[in-house]
Amino acid sequence: MFYEDEQITEVVSGLEKEDIIYILDKGYVRLVDCMGTDLSVVNAARASFAKESTEMTPKDGKLIDFLARENHMSPFRHAFMTFEFKAPLMVARQHWKYVVGSDHTMDSWNESSRRYVTMDPEFYLPSKDQWRKSAEDKKQGSDGPINDWIGAIMTTELHKYIEQGEALYNMAMENGVAPEQARLFLPAYGMYVVYRWSCSLQSACLFLSQRLAEDSQLEIQHYADAVYRLVQPIFPVSVSRLVGTND
């Protein structure tokens, strides 16, 4: 599920290994910054009574239980984190639709743009055993692996398609076409983009509860799993109450 890539390692050199998780063939999730712990949630909830805890106790855990059970979410917005994602555009747009659809969760989003940067494009290329069959009982989703023969054909044809798009993109750039228009030649959905997502603990847990679900697209499940593994050690009580375990 996770892969280390020499090129990615160069981009994020100097980071602690536990702060980054590699996904798919070239993607990753990196925890850039974090403010707060479970204690931040507890102390935000107790602000109404002008009280403050200095360390977590079983009583504090019960308070977080109560907040989660009664859907009192504002205390969970007093802890924040910033992630950097490198993901295929199809994953990034699913993620972005979730952010737009979330209300009162305090999110911010910034993404690299090919209007301004002309770095070599990179694409997600599934191997022959990563292609999935369309689900028969619903309009969207997938249902297990497709046979290797069809998978091999799909990988070969997608590789040809990407190569053709890159060749046309390079031709346009070499002939002086503006990057914001030359990018029209690049196959979009599989192209990797890099973006930063800053969010409250509430927002991160809402994302996890939705995108770790079995009916979510498999690729974004992998990214959600990475987010879970990065935040759970920092907010073990809150994550367990709002999301559950991810074993």
Protein backbone atom coordinates (compact mmCIF):
# COMPACT_ATOMS: atom_id res chain seq x y z
CA MET A 1 0.00 0.00 0.00
CA PHE A 2 2.81 2.44 0.82
CA TYR A 3 5.90 2.84 -1.34
CA GLU A 4 9.13 4.73 -0.85
CA ASP A 5 10.34 6.60 -3.91
CA GLU A 6 13.81 8.11 -4.30
CA GLN A 7 12.47 11.19 -6.08
CA ILE A 8 9.95 11.89 -3.32
CA THR A 9 12.63 11.40 -0.70
CA GLU A 10 14.68 14.15 -2.35
CA VAL A 11 11.72 16.55 -2.26
CA VAL A 12 11.06 16.02 1.43
CA SER A 13 14.60 15.37 2.61
CA GLY A 14 15.28 16.33 6.22
CA LEU A 15 11.90 15.26 7.52
CA GLU A 16 11.44 12.75 10.27
CA LYS A 17 10.46 9.42 8.76
CA GLU A 18 7.37 9.13 10.95
CA ASP A 19 6.04 12.48 9.64
CA ILE A 20 5.51 11.21 6.09
CA ILE A 21 3.74 8.18 4.63
CA TYR A 22 4.18 7.15 1.00
CA ILE A 23 1.15 6.07 -1.01
CA LEU A 24 0.46 4.54 -4.44
CA ASP A 25 3.43 4.76 -6.82
CA LYS A 26 4.55 8.39 -6.31
CA GLY A 27 2.24 9.92 -3.69
CA TYR A 28 2.57 10.77 -0.01
CA VAL A 29 0.95 12.50 2.96
CA ARG A 30 3.19 14.62 5.18
CA LEU A 31 2.32 16.16 8.54
CA VAL A 32 3.76 19.65 8.18
CA ASP A 33 2.63 21.22 11.44
CA CYS A 34 0.42 20.48 14.42
CA MET A 35 -0.92 22.53 17.32
CA GLY A 36 -2.50 20.90 20.35
CA THR A 37 -3.20 17.53 21.95
CA ASP A 38 -6.21 15.85 23.53
CA LEU A 39 -5.62 18.20 26.45
CA SER A 40 -6.37 21.16 24.15
CA VAL A 41 -9.87 19.74 23.59
CA VAL A 42 -10.40 19.24 27.32
CA ASN A 43 -9.27 22.73 28.26
CA ALA A 44 -11.35 24.34 25.52
CA ALA A 45 -14.41 22.55 26.87
CA ARG A 46 -13.66 23.66 30.43
CA ALA A 47 -13.11 27.31 29.48
CA SER A 48 -16.75 28.02 30.31
CA PHE A 49 -15.98 27.15 33.94
CA ALA A 50 -12.60 28.93 33.98
CA LYS A 51 -10.82 25.64 34.64
CA GLU A 52 -7.72 24.12 33.09
CA SER A 53 -6.02 20.72 33.27
CA THR A 54 -2.25 20.26 33.07
CA GLU A 55 -2.27 16.55 32.21
CA MET A 56 -4.77 14.03 30.90
CA THR A 57 -6.68 11.97 33.46
CA PRO A 58 -9.44 9.33 33.14
CA LYS A 59 -11.89 12.09 33.99
CA ASP A 60 -10.66 14.07 30.99
CA GLY A 61 -11.17 11.03 28.77
CA LYS A 62 -14.77 10.81 29.98
CA LEU A 63 -15.25 14.47 29.12
CA ILE A 64 -14.08 13.82 25.55
CA ASP A 65 -16.48 10.83 25.46
CA PHE A 66 -19.32 13.15 26.44
CA LEU A 67 -18.38 15.82 23.87
CA ALA A 68 -18.24 13.28 21.04
CA ARG A 69 -21.42 11.48 22.11
CA GLU A 70 -23.44 14.70 22.43
CA ASN A 71 -21.98 16.18 19.22
CA HIS A 72 -20.40 19.15 21.00
CA MET A 73 -17.79 19.85 18.33
CA SER A 74 -16.45 23.32 19.12
CA PRO A 75 -13.76 22.09 21.59
CA PHE A 76 -12.33 19.88 18.81
CA ARG A 77 -11.74 23.00 16.72
CA HIS A 78 -9.06 24.27 19.15
CA ALA A 79 -6.46 21.83 17.80
CA PHE A 80 -5.07 22.29 14.30
CA MET A 81 -2.82 20.53 11.82
CA THR A 82 -1.40 21.10 8.35
CA PHE A 83 -0.82 18.27 5.89
CA GLU A 84 0.92 18.20 2.55
CA PHE A 85 -0.53 15.78 0.02
CA LYS A 86 0.89 14.52 -3.24
CA ALA A 87 -2.04 12.78 -4.86
CA PRO A 88 -3.60 12.05 -8.26
CA LEU A 89 -6.05 14.75 -9.27
CA MET A 90 -8.99 12.33 -8.91
CA VAL A 91 -8.11 11.95 -5.20
CA ALA A 92 -7.47 15.67 -4.69
CA ARG A 93 -10.85 16.61 -6.19
CA GLN A 94 -12.69 14.09 -4.02
CA HIS A 95 -10.89 15.53 -1.02
CA TRP A 96 -11.71 19.09 -2.09
CA LYS A 97 -15.42 18.27 -2.48
CA TYR A 98 -15.39 16.99 1.09
CA VAL A 99 -13.79 20.23 2.34
CA VAL A 100 -16.32 22.39 0.47
CA GLY A 101 -19.17 20.29 1.82
CA SER A 102 -18.00 20.45 5.44
CA ASP A 103 -19.52 23.25 7.50
CA HIS A 104 -17.95 25.05 10.49
CA THR A 105 -14.84 22.85 10.54
CA MET A 106 -12.22 25.53 9.76
CA ASP A 107 -10.32 24.34 6.70
CA SER A 108 -7.80 26.01 4.41
CA TRP A 109 -6.49 24.72 1.07
CA ASN A 110 -3.60 25.76 -1.20
CA GLU A 111 -2.55 23.84 -4.29
CA SER A 112 0.30 23.99 -6.81
CA SER A 113 -0.71 25.49 -10.16
CA ARG A 114 0.63 24.82 -13.62
CA ARG A 115 -0.06 28.44 -14.45
CA TYR A 116 3.05 29.24 -12.43
CA VAL A 117 5.17 26.09 -12.22
CA THR A 118 6.43 23.94 -15.09
CA MET A 119 7.94 21.01 -13.20
CA ASP A 120 7.84 17.68 -14.98
CA PRO A 121 4.34 16.19 -14.76
CA GLU A 122 3.96 12.91 -12.90
CA PHE A 123 1.09 10.46 -13.25
CA TYR A 124 -0.46 7.63 -11.28
CA LEU A 125 -0.07 4.44 -13.32
CA PRO A 126 -1.80 1.42 -11.74
CA SER A 127 -0.04 -1.90 -12.22
CA LYS A 128 -1.93 -4.72 -13.91
CA ASP A 129 -3.15 -6.12 -10.56
CA GLN A 130 -4.48 -2.76 -9.32
CA TRP A 131 -7.34 -2.36 -11.80
CA ARG A 132 -10.79 -3.08 -10.36
CA LYS A 133 -14.12 -4.26 -11.76
CA SER A 134 -17.16 -2.01 -11.80
CA ALA A 135 -19.61 -2.88 -9.03
CA GLU A 136 -22.79 -4.54 -10.32
CA ASP A 137 -25.11 -3.44 -7.52
CA LYS A 138 -24.49 0.32 -7.51
CA LYS A 139 -23.89 3.19 -9.90
CA GLN A 140 -20.44 4.01 -8.56
CA GLY A 141 -17.60 2.22 -6.83
CA SER A 142 -15.69 -0.96 -7.60
CA ASP A 143 -15.93 -4.64 -6.79
CA GLY A 144 -12.67 -6.55 -6.56
CA PRO A 145 -9.75 -6.93 -8.96
CA ILE A 146 -10.22 -7.36 -12.69
CA ASN A 147 -8.37 -10.22 -14.39
CA ASP A 148 -4.66 -9.71 -15.04
CA TRP A 149 -4.98 -9.91 -18.83
CA ILE A 150 -7.35 -6.93 -18.99
CA GLY A 151 -5.34 -5.19 -16.28
CA ALA A 152 -2.14 -5.52 -18.32
CA ILE A 153 -3.87 -4.05 -21.38
CA MET A 154 -5.22 -1.12 -19.33
CA THR A 155 -1.78 -0.34 -17.88
CA THR A 156 -0.14 -0.49 -21.32
CA GLU A 157 -2.78 1.71 -22.96
CA LEU A 158 -2.78 4.26 -20.14
CA HIS A 159 1.01 4.48 -20.37
CA LYS A 160 0.73 5.19 -24.11
CA TYR A 161 -1.93 7.82 -23.48
CA ILE A 162 0.21 9.57 -20.87
CA GLU A 163 3.25 9.54 -23.14
CA GLN A 164 1.24 11.08 -25.99
CA GLY A 165 -0.15 13.81 -23.73
CA GLU A 166 3.31 14.62 -22.36
CA ALA A 167 4.73 14.81 -25.89
CA LEU A 168 2.02 17.27 -26.97
CA TYR A 169 2.49 19.30 -23.77
CA ASN A 170 6.26 19.53 -24.37
CA MET A 171 5.68 20.47 -28.01
CA ALA A 172 3.35 23.29 -26.95
CA MET A 173 5.84 24.56 -24.35
CA GLU A 174 8.73 24.43 -26.84
CA ASN A 175 6.69 26.52 -29.26
CA GLY A 176 6.06 29.26 -26.73
CA VAL A 177 2.50 28.40 -25.69
CA ALA A 178 1.60 29.72 -22.23
CA PRO A 179 1.87 26.99 -19.55
CA GLU A 180 -1.73 27.65 -18.46
CA GLN A 181 -2.86 26.52 -21.94
CA ALA A 182 -0.19 23.92 -22.69
CA ARG A 183 -1.44 21.94 -19.69
CA LEU A 184 -4.63 21.18 -21.62
CA PHE A 185 -2.71 18.37 -23.32
CA LEU A 186 -1.93 16.58 -20.05
CA PRO A 187 -4.22 13.70 -19.02
CA ALA A 188 -5.90 15.21 -15.98
CA TYR A 189 -7.33 12.67 -13.56
CA GLY A 190 -4.16 10.65 -13.00
CA MET A 191 -1.78 13.63 -12.84
CA TYR A 192 -0.21 14.20 -9.43
CA VAL A 193 -0.79 17.52 -7.69
CA VAL A 194 0.76 18.80 -4.46
CA TYR A 195 -1.43 20.67 -2.01
CA ARG A 196 -1.61 21.71 1.64
CA TRP A 197 -4.67 21.16 3.79
CA SER A 198 -4.92 22.92 7.15
CA CYS A 199 -7.79 21.81 9.33
CA SER A 200 -9.16 21.53 12.82
CA LEU A 201 -9.14 18.21 14.65
CA GLN A 202 -12.89 18.03 14.09
CA SER A 203 -12.43 18.38 10.34
CA ALA A 204 -9.66 15.78 10.20
CA CYS A 205 -11.82 13.29 12.10
CA LEU A 206 -14.83 13.97 9.89
CA PHE A 207 -12.66 13.31 6.83
CA LEU A 208 -11.44 10.07 8.39
CA SER A 209 -14.89 8.84 9.35
CA GLN A 210 -16.09 9.35 5.77
CA ARG A 211 -13.06 8.36 3.71
CA LEU A 212 -12.00 5.31 5.72
CA ALA A 213 -15.40 3.82 4.97
CA GLU A 214 -15.36 0.65 2.85
CA ASP A 215 -17.59 2.21 0.18
CA SER A 216 -15.15 5.08 -0.35
CA GLN A 217 -12.87 4.94 -3.41
CA LEU A 218 -9.89 2.74 -2.61
CA GLU A 219 -7.24 5.31 -3.52
CA ILE A 220 -8.62 7.97 -1.18
CA GLN A 221 -8.99 5.31 1.52
CA HIS A 222 -5.20 4.91 1.34
CA TYR A 223 -4.74 8.66 1.85
CA ALA A 224 -7.21 8.69 4.73
CA ASP A 225 -5.36 5.79 6.32
CA ALA A 226 -2.15 7.83 6.14
CA VAL A 227 -3.85 10.82 7.81
CA TYR A 228 -5.13 8.49 10.52
CA ARG A 229 -1.66 7.09 11.20
CA LEU A 230 -0.22 10.59 11.48
CA VAL A 231 -2.85 12.10 13.80
CA GLN A 232 -3.84 9.14 15.98
CA PRO A 233 -0.62 9.13 18.06
CA ILE A 234 -1.07 12.85 18.81
CA PHE A 235 -4.80 12.77 19.60
CA PRO A 236 -5.42 9.13 20.63
CA VAL A 237 -8.50 9.78 22.80
CA SER A 238 -10.25 12.22 20.47
CA VAL A 239 -9.59 10.13 17.36
CA SER A 240 -10.81 6.95 19.02
CA ARG A 241 -14.07 8.68 20.05
CA LEU A 242 -14.73 10.52 16.80
CA VAL A 243 -13.42 7.94 14.33
CA GLY A 244 -12.84 4.66 16.13
CA THR A 245 -9.90 2.35 15.46
CA ASN A 246 -8.39 1.62 12.06
CA ASP A 247 -7.01 -1.87 12.53
